[in-house]
Amino acid sequence: MLAREQEIVRKIEASLAELGPFMSLSDASAHTGVPLSTLAEAVRAQRVPALRVQKRRWLVRLEAVRAWFGDASDDEYAAQRRLLEAGLITQIKRREDRRIQPFDPSPYEGRKPASASLVEDRR
């Protein structure tokens, strides 16, 4: 039985060496630039494989997080590419094109203040 246990330990160590170390969600967030809340949601939705070690503690491989989200330092468009492939967006936009363009609001021509009109519209 001891030889069998040693073989299991060797297999686990080989897998860890091949797959890379596991780390907490906060460490993975710090390494990749993905917000912690976004990473936690991806783990809960099983988009990023994770190992549950306690009731509210998960460990992930850094490479798994980079594979899903991309590394912010390497490619800022990785998340947009995934959304495009899923059909959730129609085009990838550069950072400078994603800013809200300034606009002039249309003039209000009512007799009451605009806030009063909004309150009446909600009723």
N, C-alpha and C. Protein backbone atom coordinates (compact mmCIF):
# COMPACT_ATOMS: atom_id res chain seq x y z
N MET A 1 0.82 -1.20 0.00
CA MET A 1 0.00 0.00 0.00
C MET A 1 0.86 1.26 0.00
N LEU A 2 2.01 1.21 0.64
CA LEU A 2 2.89 2.36 0.69
C LEU A 2 3.41 2.74 -0.69
N ALA A 3 3.73 1.77 -1.51
CA ALA A 3 4.20 2.04 -2.87
C ALA A 3 3.11 2.70 -3.70
N ARG A 4 1.87 2.27 -3.48
CA ARG A 4 0.74 2.87 -4.22
C ARG A 4 0.55 4.33 -3.82
N GLU A 5 0.65 4.62 -2.54
CA GLU A 5 0.52 6.00 -2.07
C GLU A 5 1.64 6.88 -2.61
N GLN A 6 2.84 6.35 -2.67
CA GLN A 6 3.97 7.10 -3.23
C GLN A 6 3.74 7.39 -4.71
N GLU A 7 3.16 6.44 -5.43
CA GLU A 7 2.86 6.65 -6.85
C GLU A 7 1.82 7.75 -7.02
N ILE A 8 0.83 7.76 -6.15
CA ILE A 8 -0.21 8.81 -6.21
C ILE A 8 0.41 10.18 -5.94
N VAL A 9 1.28 10.26 -4.97
CA VAL A 9 1.95 11.52 -4.65
C VAL A 9 2.80 11.98 -5.83
N ARG A 10 3.51 11.05 -6.46
CA ARG A 10 4.32 11.41 -7.65
C ARG A 10 3.45 11.95 -8.78
N LYS A 11 2.29 11.34 -9.00
CA LYS A 11 1.38 11.80 -10.06
C LYS A 11 0.86 13.20 -9.76
N ILE A 12 0.51 13.42 -8.50
CA ILE A 12 0.01 14.75 -8.10
C ILE A 12 1.10 15.79 -8.29
N GLU A 13 2.31 15.49 -7.86
CA GLU A 13 3.42 16.44 -8.02
C GLU A 13 3.71 16.69 -9.49
N ALA A 14 3.64 15.66 -10.32
CA ALA A 14 3.87 15.85 -11.75
C ALA A 14 2.78 16.72 -12.36
N SER A 15 1.54 16.51 -11.95
CA SER A 15 0.43 17.34 -12.46
C SER A 15 0.61 18.79 -12.06
N LEU A 16 0.98 19.02 -10.80
CA LEU A 16 1.19 20.40 -10.34
C LEU A 16 2.34 21.06 -11.09
N ALA A 17 3.39 20.30 -11.34
CA ALA A 17 4.53 20.85 -12.08
C ALA A 17 4.13 21.19 -13.51
N GLU A 18 3.28 20.37 -14.11
CA GLU A 18 2.85 20.60 -15.50
C GLU A 18 1.83 21.73 -15.60
N LEU A 19 0.89 21.75 -14.68
CA LEU A 19 -0.20 22.72 -14.75
C LEU A 19 0.13 24.07 -14.12
N GLY A 20 1.11 24.12 -13.28
CA GLY A 20 1.45 25.36 -12.61
C GLY A 20 0.84 25.40 -11.23
N PRO A 21 1.32 26.29 -10.41
CA PRO A 21 0.83 26.35 -9.02
C PRO A 21 -0.58 26.94 -8.94
N PHE A 22 -1.27 26.58 -7.89
CA PHE A 22 -2.57 27.17 -7.60
C PHE A 22 -2.35 28.39 -6.71
N MET A 23 -3.24 29.36 -6.83
CA MET A 23 -3.15 30.57 -5.99
C MET A 23 -4.55 31.05 -5.66
N SER A 24 -4.63 31.89 -4.66
CA SER A 24 -5.93 32.43 -4.25
C SER A 24 -6.47 33.36 -5.34
N LEU A 25 -7.77 33.62 -5.25
CA LEU A 25 -8.39 34.52 -6.23
C LEU A 25 -7.80 35.92 -6.15
N SER A 26 -7.49 36.38 -4.95
CA SER A 26 -6.93 37.73 -4.81
C SER A 26 -5.54 37.80 -5.43
N ASP A 27 -4.73 36.75 -5.27
CA ASP A 27 -3.41 36.74 -5.90
C ASP A 27 -3.52 36.69 -7.42
N ALA A 28 -4.44 35.87 -7.92
CA ALA A 28 -4.64 35.78 -9.37
C ALA A 28 -5.14 37.11 -9.92
N SER A 29 -6.00 37.78 -9.16
CA SER A 29 -6.49 39.09 -9.56
C SER A 29 -5.35 40.10 -9.65
N ALA A 30 -4.47 40.07 -8.67
CA ALA A 30 -3.34 41.00 -8.66
C ALA A 30 -2.37 40.72 -9.80
N HIS A 31 -2.17 39.45 -10.17
CA HIS A 31 -1.24 39.11 -11.24
C HIS A 31 -1.79 39.42 -12.64
N THR A 32 -3.11 39.32 -12.81
CA THR A 32 -3.68 39.48 -14.16
C THR A 32 -4.35 40.82 -14.39
N GLY A 33 -4.71 41.51 -13.33
CA GLY A 33 -5.42 42.78 -13.50
C GLY A 33 -6.92 42.61 -13.61
N VAL A 34 -7.42 41.39 -13.51
CA VAL A 34 -8.86 41.13 -13.54
C VAL A 34 -9.43 41.48 -12.17
N PRO A 35 -10.49 42.27 -12.09
CA PRO A 35 -11.06 42.62 -10.78
C PRO A 35 -11.46 41.36 -10.01
N LEU A 36 -11.27 41.39 -8.71
CA LEU A 36 -11.55 40.23 -7.87
C LEU A 36 -13.01 39.80 -7.99
N SER A 37 -13.92 40.75 -8.00
CA SER A 37 -15.35 40.40 -8.09
C SER A 37 -15.66 39.71 -9.42
N THR A 38 -15.02 40.16 -10.50
CA THR A 38 -15.23 39.54 -11.81
C THR A 38 -14.68 38.12 -11.82
N LEU A 39 -13.52 37.93 -11.24
CA LEU A 39 -12.91 36.61 -11.18
C LEU A 39 -13.75 35.67 -10.32
N ALA A 40 -14.23 36.16 -9.18
CA ALA A 40 -15.06 35.33 -8.30
C ALA A 40 -16.34 34.91 -8.99
N GLU A 41 -16.95 35.81 -9.74
CA GLU A 41 -18.17 35.48 -10.48
C GLU A 41 -17.89 34.43 -11.56
N ALA A 42 -16.75 34.55 -12.24
CA ALA A 42 -16.39 33.56 -13.25
C ALA A 42 -16.16 32.19 -12.64
N VAL A 43 -15.61 32.14 -11.45
CA VAL A 43 -15.41 30.87 -10.75
C VAL A 43 -16.75 30.28 -10.34
N ARG A 44 -17.65 31.12 -9.79
CA ARG A 44 -18.97 30.63 -9.39
C ARG A 44 -19.76 30.11 -10.59
N ALA A 45 -19.60 30.76 -11.73
CA ALA A 45 -20.31 30.34 -12.95
C ALA A 45 -19.59 29.20 -13.67
N GLN A 46 -18.48 28.74 -13.12
CA GLN A 46 -17.68 27.63 -13.64
C GLN A 46 -17.09 27.94 -15.02
N ARG A 47 -16.81 29.21 -15.29
CA ARG A 47 -16.11 29.57 -16.53
C ARG A 47 -14.61 29.43 -16.35
N VAL A 48 -14.15 29.60 -15.12
CA VAL A 48 -12.73 29.42 -14.78
C VAL A 48 -12.65 28.23 -13.82
N PRO A 49 -11.91 27.19 -14.18
CA PRO A 49 -11.81 26.05 -13.27
C PRO A 49 -11.09 26.43 -11.98
N ALA A 50 -11.63 25.94 -10.87
CA ALA A 50 -11.07 26.28 -9.56
C ALA A 50 -11.19 25.09 -8.63
N LEU A 51 -10.39 25.12 -7.61
CA LEU A 51 -10.36 24.09 -6.58
C LEU A 51 -10.90 24.70 -5.30
N ARG A 52 -12.00 24.12 -4.79
CA ARG A 52 -12.59 24.65 -3.56
C ARG A 52 -11.91 23.98 -2.37
N VAL A 53 -11.26 24.79 -1.52
CA VAL A 53 -10.54 24.23 -0.38
C VAL A 53 -11.25 24.48 0.94
N GLN A 54 -12.10 25.48 0.99
CA GLN A 54 -12.94 25.76 2.16
C GLN A 54 -14.27 26.26 1.64
N LYS A 55 -15.19 26.54 2.55
CA LYS A 55 -16.53 26.94 2.13
C LYS A 55 -16.51 28.16 1.20
N ARG A 56 -15.71 29.15 1.53
CA ARG A 56 -15.66 30.37 0.71
C ARG A 56 -14.26 30.66 0.20
N ARG A 57 -13.44 29.64 0.05
CA ARG A 57 -12.06 29.85 -0.42
C ARG A 57 -11.81 28.97 -1.62
N TRP A 58 -11.39 29.60 -2.70
CA TRP A 58 -11.12 28.91 -3.96
C TRP A 58 -9.67 29.16 -4.36
N LEU A 59 -9.10 28.18 -5.03
CA LEU A 59 -7.76 28.32 -5.61
C LEU A 59 -7.88 28.12 -7.11
N VAL A 60 -7.14 28.91 -7.86
CA VAL A 60 -7.15 28.80 -9.32
C VAL A 60 -5.73 28.75 -9.83
N ARG A 61 -5.58 28.26 -11.03
CA ARG A 61 -4.28 28.31 -11.70
C ARG A 61 -4.21 29.63 -12.46
N LEU A 62 -3.08 30.26 -12.40
CA LEU A 62 -2.89 31.53 -13.08
C LEU A 62 -3.11 31.38 -14.58
N GLU A 63 -2.65 30.28 -15.14
CA GLU A 63 -2.81 30.05 -16.58
C GLU A 63 -4.27 29.90 -16.96
N ALA A 64 -5.09 29.33 -16.09
CA ALA A 64 -6.52 29.19 -16.39
C ALA A 64 -7.20 30.55 -16.43
N VAL A 65 -6.80 31.44 -15.50
CA VAL A 65 -7.37 32.79 -15.49
C VAL A 65 -6.93 33.55 -16.74
N ARG A 66 -5.65 33.43 -17.08
CA ARG A 66 -5.16 34.11 -18.29
C ARG A 66 -5.81 33.55 -19.55
N ALA A 67 -6.09 32.25 -19.57
CA ALA A 67 -6.72 31.65 -20.74
C ALA A 67 -8.13 32.19 -20.93
N TRP A 68 -8.85 32.42 -19.84
CA TRP A 68 -10.23 32.91 -19.98
C TRP A 68 -10.27 34.42 -20.21
N PHE A 69 -9.55 35.18 -19.39
CA PHE A 69 -9.63 36.63 -19.45
C PHE A 69 -8.51 37.26 -20.27
N GLY A 70 -7.42 36.54 -20.47
CA GLY A 70 -6.25 37.17 -21.05
C GLY A 70 -5.53 37.94 -19.96
N ASP A 71 -4.31 38.27 -20.18
CA ASP A 71 -3.55 39.04 -19.21
C ASP A 71 -3.63 40.50 -19.63
N ALA A 72 -4.05 41.37 -18.72
CA ALA A 72 -4.25 42.77 -19.06
C ALA A 72 -2.97 43.40 -19.59
N SER A 73 -1.82 42.95 -19.11
CA SER A 73 -0.58 43.53 -19.58
C SER A 73 -0.23 43.03 -20.98
N ASP A 74 -0.71 41.82 -21.35
CA ASP A 74 -0.39 41.26 -22.66
C ASP A 74 -1.39 41.68 -23.73
N ASP A 75 -2.67 41.64 -23.40
CA ASP A 75 -3.68 41.89 -24.42
C ASP A 75 -4.93 42.45 -23.79
N GLU A 76 -5.17 43.74 -23.97
CA GLU A 76 -6.33 44.36 -23.35
C GLU A 76 -7.63 44.00 -24.06
N TYR A 77 -7.55 43.37 -25.21
CA TYR A 77 -8.74 43.07 -25.98
C TYR A 77 -9.22 41.63 -25.82
N ALA A 78 -8.61 40.85 -24.94
CA ALA A 78 -8.97 39.43 -24.78
C ALA A 78 -10.42 39.27 -24.36
N ALA A 79 -10.87 40.07 -23.41
CA ALA A 79 -12.26 39.96 -22.94
C ALA A 79 -13.23 40.34 -24.05
N GLN A 80 -12.89 41.36 -24.83
CA GLN A 80 -13.76 41.75 -25.93
C GLN A 80 -13.82 40.66 -27.00
N ARG A 81 -12.69 39.98 -27.23
CA ARG A 81 -12.70 38.88 -28.21
C ARG A 81 -13.63 37.76 -27.76
N ARG A 82 -13.62 37.46 -26.48
CA ARG A 82 -14.51 36.41 -25.96
C ARG A 82 -15.98 36.83 -26.11
N LEU A 83 -16.28 38.09 -25.81
CA LEU A 83 -17.65 38.58 -25.97
C LEU A 83 -18.07 38.55 -27.43
N LEU A 84 -17.16 38.87 -28.33
CA LEU A 84 -17.44 38.84 -29.76
C LEU A 84 -17.73 37.41 -30.21
N GLU A 85 -16.91 36.47 -29.76
CA GLU A 85 -17.12 35.06 -30.12
C GLU A 85 -18.44 34.54 -29.59
N ALA A 86 -18.87 35.03 -28.43
CA ALA A 86 -20.13 34.59 -27.83
C ALA A 86 -21.33 35.30 -28.46
N GLY A 87 -21.08 36.27 -29.32
CA GLY A 87 -22.16 37.00 -29.97
C GLY A 87 -22.78 38.07 -29.11
N LEU A 88 -22.11 38.47 -28.04
CA LEU A 88 -22.66 39.48 -27.15
C LEU A 88 -22.32 40.90 -27.56
N ILE A 89 -21.28 41.08 -28.37
CA ILE A 89 -20.97 42.38 -28.95
C ILE A 89 -20.74 42.17 -30.43
N THR A 90 -20.78 43.26 -31.20
CA THR A 90 -20.64 43.13 -32.65
C THR A 90 -19.28 43.56 -33.16
N GLN A 91 -18.52 44.31 -32.36
CA GLN A 91 -17.20 44.75 -32.80
C GLN A 91 -16.30 45.03 -31.60
N ILE A 92 -15.02 44.93 -31.84
CA ILE A 92 -14.04 45.25 -30.80
C ILE A 92 -13.68 46.72 -30.94
N LYS A 93 -13.73 47.42 -29.83
CA LYS A 93 -13.42 48.86 -29.84
C LYS A 93 -12.12 49.13 -29.14
N ARG A 94 -11.38 50.08 -29.69
CA ARG A 94 -10.15 50.50 -29.03
C ARG A 94 -10.52 51.29 -27.78
N ARG A 95 -9.57 51.39 -26.86
CA ARG A 95 -9.82 52.08 -25.59
C ARG A 95 -10.28 53.52 -25.83
N GLU A 96 -9.64 54.21 -26.76
CA GLU A 96 -10.01 55.62 -26.97
C GLU A 96 -11.39 55.77 -27.59
N ASP A 97 -11.90 54.73 -28.25
CA ASP A 97 -13.24 54.80 -28.85
C ASP A 97 -14.34 54.44 -27.86
N ARG A 98 -13.97 53.92 -26.70
CA ARG A 98 -14.96 53.49 -25.72
C ARG A 98 -15.39 54.62 -24.80
N ARG A 99 -14.84 55.78 -24.94
CA ARG A 99 -15.20 56.89 -24.06
C ARG A 99 -16.53 57.50 -24.49
N ILE A 100 -17.22 58.02 -23.53
CA ILE A 100 -18.49 58.68 -23.83
C ILE A 100 -18.20 60.01 -24.49
N GLN A 101 -18.84 60.22 -25.61
CA GLN A 101 -18.64 61.46 -26.34
C GLN A 101 -19.49 62.56 -25.70
N PRO A 102 -18.93 63.77 -25.60
CA PRO A 102 -19.71 64.87 -25.01
C PRO A 102 -20.91 65.22 -25.90
N PHE A 103 -21.98 65.68 -25.27
CA PHE A 103 -23.16 66.07 -26.04
C PHE A 103 -23.84 67.23 -25.33
N ASP A 104 -24.63 67.95 -26.08
CA ASP A 104 -25.41 69.05 -25.53
C ASP A 104 -26.82 68.54 -25.25
N PRO A 105 -27.30 68.69 -24.02
CA PRO A 105 -28.66 68.23 -23.73
C PRO A 105 -29.68 69.08 -24.47
N SER A 106 -30.79 68.47 -24.80
CA SER A 106 -31.83 69.23 -25.49
C SER A 106 -32.47 70.20 -24.50
N PRO A 107 -32.86 71.35 -24.96
CA PRO A 107 -33.43 72.36 -24.05
C PRO A 107 -34.79 71.90 -23.53
N TYR A 108 -35.06 72.26 -22.30
CA TYR A 108 -36.34 71.93 -21.67
C TYR A 108 -37.27 73.12 -21.84
N GLU A 109 -38.46 72.86 -22.36
CA GLU A 109 -39.38 73.96 -22.64
C GLU A 109 -40.70 73.82 -21.89
N GLY A 110 -40.67 73.27 -20.72
CA GLY A 110 -41.90 73.10 -19.95
C GLY A 110 -42.16 74.27 -19.03
N ARG A 111 -43.40 74.31 -18.48
CA ARG A 111 -43.74 75.38 -17.55
C ARG A 111 -43.32 75.04 -16.13
N LYS A 112 -43.20 73.75 -15.84
CA LYS A 112 -42.79 73.31 -14.50
C LYS A 112 -41.31 72.95 -14.54
N PRO A 113 -40.69 72.85 -13.38
CA PRO A 113 -39.30 72.37 -13.35
C PRO A 113 -39.24 70.93 -13.89
N ALA A 114 -38.13 70.58 -14.48
CA ALA A 114 -37.98 69.25 -15.06
C ALA A 114 -38.16 68.15 -14.03
N SER A 115 -37.72 68.38 -12.79
CA SER A 115 -37.87 67.35 -11.75
C SER A 115 -39.34 67.07 -11.46
N ALA A 116 -40.17 68.08 -11.47
CA ALA A 116 -41.60 67.88 -11.22
C ALA A 116 -42.23 67.09 -12.36
N SER A 117 -41.83 67.36 -13.58
CA SER A 117 -42.36 66.62 -14.72
C SER A 117 -41.97 65.15 -14.64
N LEU A 118 -40.75 64.87 -14.21
CA LEU A 118 -40.30 63.49 -14.10
C LEU A 118 -41.09 62.74 -13.03
N VAL A 119 -41.39 63.40 -11.92
CA VAL A 119 -42.16 62.77 -10.85
C VAL A 119 -43.55 62.45 -11.37
N GLU A 120 -44.18 63.35 -12.11
CA GLU A 120 -45.51 63.09 -12.66
C GLU A 120 -45.50 61.97 -13.68
N ASP A 121 -44.44 61.89 -14.49
CA ASP A 121 -44.35 60.84 -15.48
C ASP A 121 -44.23 59.46 -14.86
N ARG A 122 -43.64 59.37 -13.69
CA ARG A 122 -43.48 58.09 -13.02
C ARG A 122 -44.77 57.59 -12.39
N ARG A 123 -45.69 58.48 -12.14
CA ARG A 123 -46.97 58.08 -11.47
C ARG A 123 -47.88 57.44 -12.40
